[in-house]
Amino acid sequence: NKNFKFQLNGMTFELPTKHIQTENWAGEKLKNPIIRMNQTATANVMKQYVKKMYPKVVVSATSSSFSMGNSVDIYLSDELGNGVDKNIVEDVNSFGRQFVYGYFDGMTDMYEHVSKENQTDSGTQIDAGTKFLSVNNRAKHGSLPDVVRMQVAERIVGDFPQVAVGIGEVKQDPAE
């Protein structure tokens, strides 16, 4: 088993050993290891968090890397593809923010780095390595819960065609 476990906020999480740095870049052993929370580690730990805290919530996570950064997208829903309580979304977002190293400032059109001193419950340093985090209150597009949601919506529209009329429009009966 090439994984390691660590405690964070009283919960046990597990990651592949590639996310723990025990040597510096010159190959010398570090006095204290560092957990490198890049986008894949963040997505992994956030899924574990949701499964532990909210076992009935369906969670999907994707991570991407691109020039000058990376991102994590978390999707939360019930088994039918409906969104979950907003307090759950806010809690998951708050938990994940500790792994994000800054934010985009639209006023100055630049990414602002924020110094963070994160550590595990035992004091191991956690290096925030995720640039963008998005927690979505919906099923991931094309996932089983999303397909179920779409099928239910299609069934409702099929049974009640008036639902398909555009928002704000009132369809007049020509007989009136």
Protein backbone atom coordinates (compact mmCIF):
# COMPACT_ATOMS: atom_id res chain seq x y z
CA ASN A 1 0.00 0.00 0.00
CA LYS A 2 1.66 3.21 -1.18
CA ASN A 3 -0.60 5.55 0.78
CA PHE A 4 -0.13 7.54 3.97
CA LYS A 5 -2.72 8.64 6.49
CA PHE A 6 -3.01 11.94 8.33
CA GLN A 7 -5.43 13.60 10.72
CA LEU A 8 -7.05 16.92 9.85
CA ASN A 9 -9.81 18.50 11.95
CA GLY A 10 -10.12 15.23 13.87
CA MET A 11 -10.73 13.14 10.73
CA THR A 12 -8.41 10.63 9.10
CA PHE A 13 -7.58 11.10 5.43
CA GLU A 14 -5.48 8.99 3.09
CA LEU A 15 -3.39 10.06 0.09
CA PRO A 16 -0.83 8.40 -2.19
CA THR A 17 2.74 8.83 -0.91
CA LYS A 18 3.60 10.96 -3.96
CA HIS A 19 1.86 13.83 -2.12
CA ILE A 20 4.21 13.81 0.87
CA GLN A 21 7.61 15.40 0.44
CA THR A 22 10.29 13.88 2.69
CA GLU A 23 13.37 15.19 0.84
CA ASN A 24 14.29 18.66 -0.39
CA TRP A 25 14.91 19.29 -4.08
CA ALA A 26 18.59 18.37 -3.62
CA GLY A 27 17.64 14.93 -2.28
CA GLU A 28 18.46 15.70 1.36
CA LYS A 29 16.07 14.40 4.02
CA LEU A 30 13.73 17.07 5.41
CA LYS A 31 13.54 17.52 9.17
CA ASN A 32 9.72 17.59 8.88
CA PRO A 33 7.76 16.19 5.91
CA ILE A 34 5.39 18.43 3.91
CA ILE A 35 2.06 17.37 2.44
CA ARG A 36 1.79 18.88 -1.05
CA MET A 37 -1.91 19.52 -1.72
CA ASN A 38 -1.92 19.94 -5.47
CA GLN A 39 -5.17 19.70 -7.44
CA THR A 40 -5.38 15.89 -7.40
CA ALA A 41 -4.70 15.67 -3.66
CA THR A 42 -7.27 18.39 -2.97
CA ALA A 43 -9.94 16.63 -5.07
CA ASN A 44 -9.14 13.33 -3.32
CA VAL A 45 -9.29 14.74 0.23
CA MET A 46 -12.45 16.74 -0.48
CA LYS A 47 -14.25 13.62 -1.72
CA GLN A 48 -13.19 11.81 1.44
CA TYR A 49 -14.44 14.74 3.54
CA VAL A 50 -17.88 14.76 1.91
CA LYS A 51 -18.23 10.97 2.23
CA LYS A 52 -17.35 11.13 5.95
CA MET A 53 -19.43 14.20 6.83
CA TYR A 54 -22.41 13.70 4.50
CA PRO A 55 -22.70 9.98 3.62
CA LYS A 56 -26.00 10.44 1.73
CA VAL A 57 -24.57 13.13 -0.57
CA VAL A 58 -23.30 12.02 -3.98
CA VAL A 59 -19.92 13.65 -4.62
CA SER A 60 -17.89 13.84 -7.83
CA ALA A 61 -14.58 15.62 -8.21
CA THR A 62 -12.44 16.56 -11.16
CA SER A 63 -9.08 18.26 -11.27
CA SER A 64 -7.36 20.01 -14.13
CA SER A 65 -3.98 21.53 -14.74
CA PHE A 66 -3.26 24.25 -17.25
CA SER A 67 -0.62 26.82 -18.04
CA MET A 68 0.07 28.86 -14.89
CA GLY A 69 -2.28 26.91 -12.62
CA ASN A 70 -4.78 24.22 -11.81
CA SER A 71 -8.35 23.81 -10.62
CA VAL A 72 -10.63 21.47 -8.70
CA ASP A 73 -14.36 21.11 -9.36
CA ILE A 74 -16.53 19.43 -6.73
CA TYR A 75 -20.12 18.41 -7.56
CA LEU A 76 -22.65 17.70 -4.81
CA SER A 77 -26.12 16.21 -5.28
CA ASP A 78 -28.56 13.68 -3.93
CA GLU A 79 -28.95 10.30 -5.66
CA LEU A 80 -31.57 11.81 -7.99
CA GLY A 81 -29.27 14.59 -9.18
CA ASN A 82 -30.92 17.38 -7.17
CA GLY A 83 -28.85 19.96 -5.35
CA VAL A 84 -28.19 19.62 -1.62
CA ASP A 85 -28.77 21.99 1.30
CA LYS A 86 -26.79 25.21 0.88
CA ASN A 87 -25.22 24.74 4.33
CA ILE A 88 -23.55 21.56 3.08
CA VAL A 89 -22.20 23.40 0.03
CA GLU A 90 -20.87 26.21 2.22
CA ASP A 91 -19.24 23.74 4.64
CA VAL A 92 -17.54 21.79 1.82
CA ASN A 93 -16.35 25.05 0.23
CA SER A 94 -15.02 26.29 3.58
CA PHE A 95 -13.15 23.01 4.17
CA GLY A 96 -11.60 23.11 0.69
CA ARG A 97 -10.45 26.74 0.92
CA GLN A 98 -7.55 25.70 3.17
CA PHE A 99 -5.96 24.03 0.11
CA VAL A 100 -6.29 27.10 -2.16
CA TYR A 101 -3.28 29.40 -2.25
CA GLY A 102 -4.96 32.62 -3.35
CA TYR A 103 -7.77 34.25 -5.26
CA PHE A 104 -8.38 36.17 -8.47
CA ASP A 105 -8.85 39.92 -7.96
CA GLY A 106 -11.01 41.19 -10.80
CA MET A 107 -10.35 44.84 -9.92
CA THR A 108 -6.62 44.51 -10.60
CA ASP A 109 -7.00 41.62 -13.07
CA MET A 110 -4.45 39.46 -11.26
CA TYR A 111 -4.18 36.43 -9.03
CA GLU A 112 -3.33 37.33 -5.43
CA HIS A 113 -1.27 34.78 -3.47
CA VAL A 114 -2.19 34.38 0.19
CA SER A 115 0.26 33.06 2.77
CA LYS A 116 -1.27 30.12 4.66
CA GLU A 117 0.07 28.18 7.61
CA ASN A 118 -1.89 24.92 7.37
CA GLN A 119 -0.96 21.80 9.25
CA THR A 120 -2.34 18.42 10.21
CA ASP A 121 -3.53 17.70 13.73
CA SER A 122 -0.06 16.30 14.51
CA GLY A 123 1.71 19.40 13.15
CA THR A 124 2.79 18.23 9.67
CA GLN A 125 2.87 21.20 7.29
CA ILE A 126 0.27 21.26 4.51
CA ASP A 127 1.28 23.20 1.41
CA ALA A 128 -1.80 24.67 -0.32
CA GLY A 129 -1.26 23.95 -4.00
CA THR A 130 -4.66 24.46 -5.61
CA LYS A 131 -5.26 27.66 -7.57
CA PHE A 132 -9.03 27.55 -8.20
CA LEU A 133 -11.74 25.62 -6.34
CA SER A 134 -15.36 25.43 -7.40
CA VAL A 135 -18.01 23.65 -5.33
CA ASN A 136 -21.11 23.07 -7.46
CA ASN A 137 -24.54 22.33 -5.99
CA ARG A 138 -25.54 19.96 -8.78
CA ALA A 139 -24.63 16.59 -10.18
CA LYS A 140 -21.69 16.42 -12.57
CA HIS A 141 -22.96 16.62 -16.15
CA GLY A 142 -23.44 13.16 -17.61
CA SER A 143 -23.14 11.37 -14.25
CA LEU A 144 -25.78 8.81 -13.27
CA PRO A 145 -27.55 11.24 -10.88
CA ASP A 146 -27.57 13.90 -13.62
CA VAL A 147 -29.07 11.46 -16.14
CA VAL A 148 -31.74 10.51 -13.58
CA ARG A 149 -32.51 14.21 -13.01
CA MET A 150 -32.80 14.81 -16.76
CA GLN A 151 -35.06 11.78 -17.24
CA VAL A 152 -37.37 12.93 -14.43
CA ALA A 153 -37.49 16.45 -15.91
CA GLU A 154 -38.23 15.04 -19.38
CA ARG A 155 -41.01 12.90 -17.95
CA ILE A 156 -42.58 15.88 -16.17
CA VAL A 157 -42.44 18.01 -19.32
CA GLY A 158 -43.92 15.12 -21.32
CA ASP A 159 -46.84 14.84 -18.91
CA PHE A 160 -47.28 18.60 -18.60
CA PRO A 161 -46.34 20.30 -21.90
CA GLN A 162 -47.27 23.70 -20.47
CA VAL A 163 -44.12 23.46 -18.34
CA ALA A 164 -42.06 23.72 -21.54
CA VAL A 165 -43.43 27.20 -22.29
CA GLY A 166 -40.75 29.86 -21.73
CA ILE A 167 -40.42 31.48 -18.32
CA GLY A 168 -42.68 34.48 -17.96
CA GLU A 169 -44.78 33.59 -20.99
CA VAL A 170 -48.49 32.96 -20.63
CA LYS A 171 -49.95 30.71 -23.26
CA GLN A 172 -53.42 31.90 -24.20
CA ASP A 173 -56.09 29.40 -25.13
CA PRO A 174 -57.42 30.47 -28.57
CA ALA A 175 -60.97 29.49 -27.48
CA GLU A 176 -61.02 32.28 -24.87
